[in-house]
Amino acid sequence: MEASAPVEAGETYDVKIEDLAREGDGIARVSGFVIFVPETSVGDEVTIKVTKVMRKFAFAEVV
């Protein structure tokens, strides 16, 4: 059985942007789980709200 994502849509998390995706979105990780955060830069420390959770990654926005 596959483990579920460590984040939930609607929840907020304090994260640090570690990398940039090809599309330019910032990449944060929660328990190793990748979260794409638009309009962020590497090194940003932000509070995010998860908007959509997929099987291997999630999308979030800065709050």
C-alpha atoms as a PDB file:
ATOM      1  CA  MET A   1       0.000   0.000   0.000  1.00  0.00           C
ATOM      2  CA  GLU A   2       1.240   3.457  -0.885  1.00  0.00           C
ATOM      3  CA  ALA A   3       1.836   6.043   1.815  1.00  0.00           C
ATOM      4  CA  SER A   4      -0.386   9.080   1.624  1.00  0.00           C
ATOM      5  CA  ALA A   5       1.010  12.587   1.173  1.00  0.00           C
ATOM      6  CA  PRO A   6       2.319  14.247   4.357  1.00  0.00           C
ATOM      7  CA  VAL A   7       0.382  17.431   3.514  1.00  0.00           C
ATOM      8  CA  GLU A   8      -3.313  18.199   3.143  1.00  0.00           C
ATOM      9  CA  ALA A   9      -5.115  20.690   0.920  1.00  0.00           C
ATOM     10  CA  GLY A  10      -6.172  23.727   2.927  1.00  0.00           C
ATOM     11  CA  GLU A  11      -3.419  23.295   5.530  1.00  0.00           C
ATOM     12  CA  THR A  12      -0.649  25.853   6.031  1.00  0.00           C
ATOM     13  CA  TYR A  13       3.059  25.119   6.500  1.00  0.00           C
ATOM     14  CA  ASP A  14       6.196  27.174   7.130  1.00  0.00           C
ATOM     15  CA  VAL A  15       8.715  26.201   4.466  1.00  0.00           C
ATOM     16  CA  LYS A  16      11.947  27.281   2.838  1.00  0.00           C
ATOM     17  CA  ILE A  17      12.162  27.362  -0.957  1.00  0.00           C
ATOM     18  CA  GLU A  18      15.018  25.001  -1.847  1.00  0.00           C
ATOM     19  CA  ASP A  19      14.995  24.903  -5.632  1.00  0.00           C
ATOM     20  CA  LEU A  20      13.297  26.180  -8.774  1.00  0.00           C
ATOM     21  CA  ALA A  21      11.222  24.106 -11.179  1.00  0.00           C
ATOM     22  CA  ARG A  22      11.655  24.445 -14.942  1.00  0.00           C
ATOM     23  CA  GLU A  23       8.484  26.546 -15.069  1.00  0.00           C
ATOM     24  CA  GLY A  24       9.990  28.927 -12.500  1.00  0.00           C
ATOM     25  CA  ASP A  25       7.883  27.853  -9.517  1.00  0.00           C
ATOM     26  CA  GLY A  26       9.701  27.553  -6.208  1.00  0.00           C
ATOM     27  CA  ILE A  27      10.089  24.058  -4.773  1.00  0.00           C
ATOM     28  CA  ALA A  28       9.618  23.434  -1.056  1.00  0.00           C
ATOM     29  CA  ARG A  29       9.592  20.099   0.742  1.00  0.00           C
ATOM     30  CA  VAL A  30       7.591  18.869   3.726  1.00  0.00           C
ATOM     31  CA  SER A  31       8.897  15.515   4.992  1.00  0.00           C
ATOM     32  CA  GLY A  32      10.621  15.124   1.613  1.00  0.00           C
ATOM     33  CA  PHE A  33       7.347  15.651  -0.276  1.00  0.00           C
ATOM     34  CA  VAL A  34       7.696  18.181  -3.122  1.00  0.00           C
ATOM     35  CA  ILE A  35       5.447  21.242  -3.119  1.00  0.00           C
ATOM     36  CA  PHE A  36       5.437  23.733  -5.997  1.00  0.00           C
ATOM     37  CA  VAL A  37       5.008  27.360  -4.896  1.00  0.00           C
ATOM     38  CA  PRO A  38       4.623  30.017  -7.637  1.00  0.00           C
ATOM     39  CA  GLU A  39       6.167  33.486  -7.298  1.00  0.00           C
ATOM     40  CA  THR A  40       8.898  32.460  -4.874  1.00  0.00           C
ATOM     41  CA  SER A  41      12.694  32.365  -5.080  1.00  0.00           C
ATOM     42  CA  VAL A  42      15.343  30.019  -3.714  1.00  0.00           C
ATOM     43  CA  GLY A  43      16.025  30.877  -0.075  1.00  0.00           C
ATOM     44  CA  ASP A  44      12.607  32.405   0.606  1.00  0.00           C
ATOM     45  CA  GLU A  45      11.142  31.396   3.962  1.00  0.00           C
ATOM     46  CA  VAL A  46       7.386  31.578   3.545  1.00  0.00           C
ATOM     47  CA  THR A  47       4.097  30.364   4.958  1.00  0.00           C
ATOM     48  CA  ILE A  48       2.204  28.438   2.315  1.00  0.00           C
ATOM     49  CA  LYS A  49      -1.325  27.093   1.991  1.00  0.00           C
ATOM     50  CA  VAL A  50      -1.625  23.832   0.067  1.00  0.00           C
ATOM     51  CA  THR A  51      -4.136  24.182  -2.769  1.00  0.00           C
ATOM     52  CA  LYS A  52      -3.921  20.791  -4.502  1.00  0.00           C
ATOM     53  CA  VAL A  53      -2.352  17.471  -3.504  1.00  0.00           C
ATOM     54  CA  MET A  54      -1.333  14.943  -6.146  1.00  0.00           C
ATOM     55  CA  ARG A  55       0.183  11.492  -5.651  1.00  0.00           C
ATOM     56  CA  LYS A  56       3.827  12.584  -5.859  1.00  0.00           C
ATOM     57  CA  PHE A  57       3.700  16.342  -5.317  1.00  0.00           C
ATOM     58  CA  ALA A  58       1.461  19.239  -4.318  1.00  0.00           C
ATOM     59  CA  PHE A  59       0.767  22.846  -5.259  1.00  0.00           C
ATOM     60  CA  ALA A  60       0.546  25.715  -2.781  1.00  0.00           C
ATOM     61  CA  GLU A  61       0.311  29.502  -2.600  1.00  0.00           C
ATOM     62  CA  VAL A  62       2.002  31.969  -0.304  1.00  0.00           C
ATOM     63  CA  VAL A  63      -0.344  33.281   2.375  1.00  0.00           C
END
